Amino acid sequence: MFEALTEKLGSLFQRLGNKGRLTEQDVDEALKEIRIAFLEADVNFKLAREFVGRVRDQAVGIEVLTGANPGAQVAKIVNDELVNILAGGNHQLEQASFPPTVIMLVGLQGSGKTTTAAKLAVHLQKGSTPNTLLVAADLQRPAAIQQLQSLGQQLGIPVYAETPRSTPLGVVQGAISAANDRGLHWMIIDTAGRQQIDADSMAELAELKAKIRPLETLLVLDAMTGQEAVNAAQEFHNQVGLSGVVLTKLDGDARGGAALSISAITGVPIKFIGVGERTDALEQFHPDRLASRILGMGDMLTLVEKAQQALDGKQTQEMERKFRRAEFDLQDMLEQLQAVQRMGPLTQVLEMIPGFSKNRGAFPESNVEEERIKRIRAIILSMTPGERRGPGILNGSRRRRIALGSGTSVQEINQLLNQFKQMQHFVKQAAQGRSPFKIPKF
């Protein structure tokens, strides 16, 4: 996600970092590039202009102009302002004093409400006992009820449904009784999608909301529609009233304009982002973490959280310790490869590692495919235990032996070792609280 914006900003900050000091002209030229990058990312024009203005107010100062690392200082200002425009509102789900907590999903047709309802139920699931009831209140779309029932059956999550001759209000009322009888904590209502935003459909939805009185009303939006998603959010909020937004397909949105614009333009907070097809590919929204991803600094906290789901407690603690202290070696890398693959698409996982997004040239697309993982495993398995623990001893003859044993080339081994060094470098900087904006050259 945000590939184009991340690449442009990373290149800009690297150029600024190579300057001994910044003049006011340097700052103005940099801000012009930032504004163009934002507009190309489909960020709202007014928001892009205001963003650049706030950055300039802070960047044109004696500390920045004469700083030891002006590129990193400007990057920090941009990071802080990104967090500001993403941070509007409460990003946590509210919980009712007395369960169930009722969540109503609304949106346009095709936005992914039904699958999002199932993903949200997975996200809320704690332990092996179901704590969420999915409610099939979309009585308009053919097969909507069957789709939700099928998802619920696959995931082991109960679904409340009635016949299509029922009314949405009647379905919800029956579901509330069922949730109370089962002692469930959450109730997620899948409502009918609107073909278009018009007065009649919005009035119907507002009336249903008034009778149901959900604690959360979440709008499900397709991030790939860009500014159309922002416009839809504004209309739904004006006419129905929203407590939050769920942005789907953010993994397929290389621009990111919707994510950057929605909260600032509408005042409605983003609460979840969809980052893939898998049922666990729904993440709680954290403004600081997304800003970090946009700037190529990775997202170690989300990476650790995903690891906690893929690893047992002892493995998780050890992985976190090694990442924070930059002590992991190639043996650890080998042991973690399978766990990493369980954490989601590898491209997304690698983007959470500091420096990956900003240094894509060192990580060609082929490196994140399953075939590449097999070759990495073959290379590491062909090393001795001592070589895995201390790859610094790998001279030319050892590398040729490993290449022969793994069916790869010395070039591939060199590439892997360079990437491993870069990973250690960026993780070490992040662990020490240093900004890894200036990328080392290898």
Foldseek 3Di string as FASTA:
>chain_A
DQLQLQQQLLVLLQVQQVDQFDDLVNLVVSLVSNLVLLVVLLADNVVSVVLSVQLSVPCPDPCLRRPRGNSVVSLVSSLVSLLVLQVFADQDQDFDPADAQEEEEAAAPPLCLLLVLLLVQVVPDDPDDRQEEEEELALDDPCSQVVNVVSCVVVVHHYQYDHSVDHSLVRLVVVRVVSVVVVHHYYYYRYHHHNDDDDVVLVVLQVSCVSNVHSFYEYRGACQVRVVRLVRLQSSCVRRNGQEYEYEPPLVSNSRNCSSHNCNPRVHHHNWYANDDDSNRIGGDDSSQVSCLSNQQARVVVLLVLLPVLDPPVLSVVVVVCLLQLQAWQVNVLVCLVSCVVSDQQVNSQSRQRNCSNPVVLPDPVCRDPVVSLLSNLLSVLDDPVCRNPVVVCDDVNLCSSCVRSVHDSVSVVSVVVVSVQSSVSSNCVSVVHDCSNRDDD
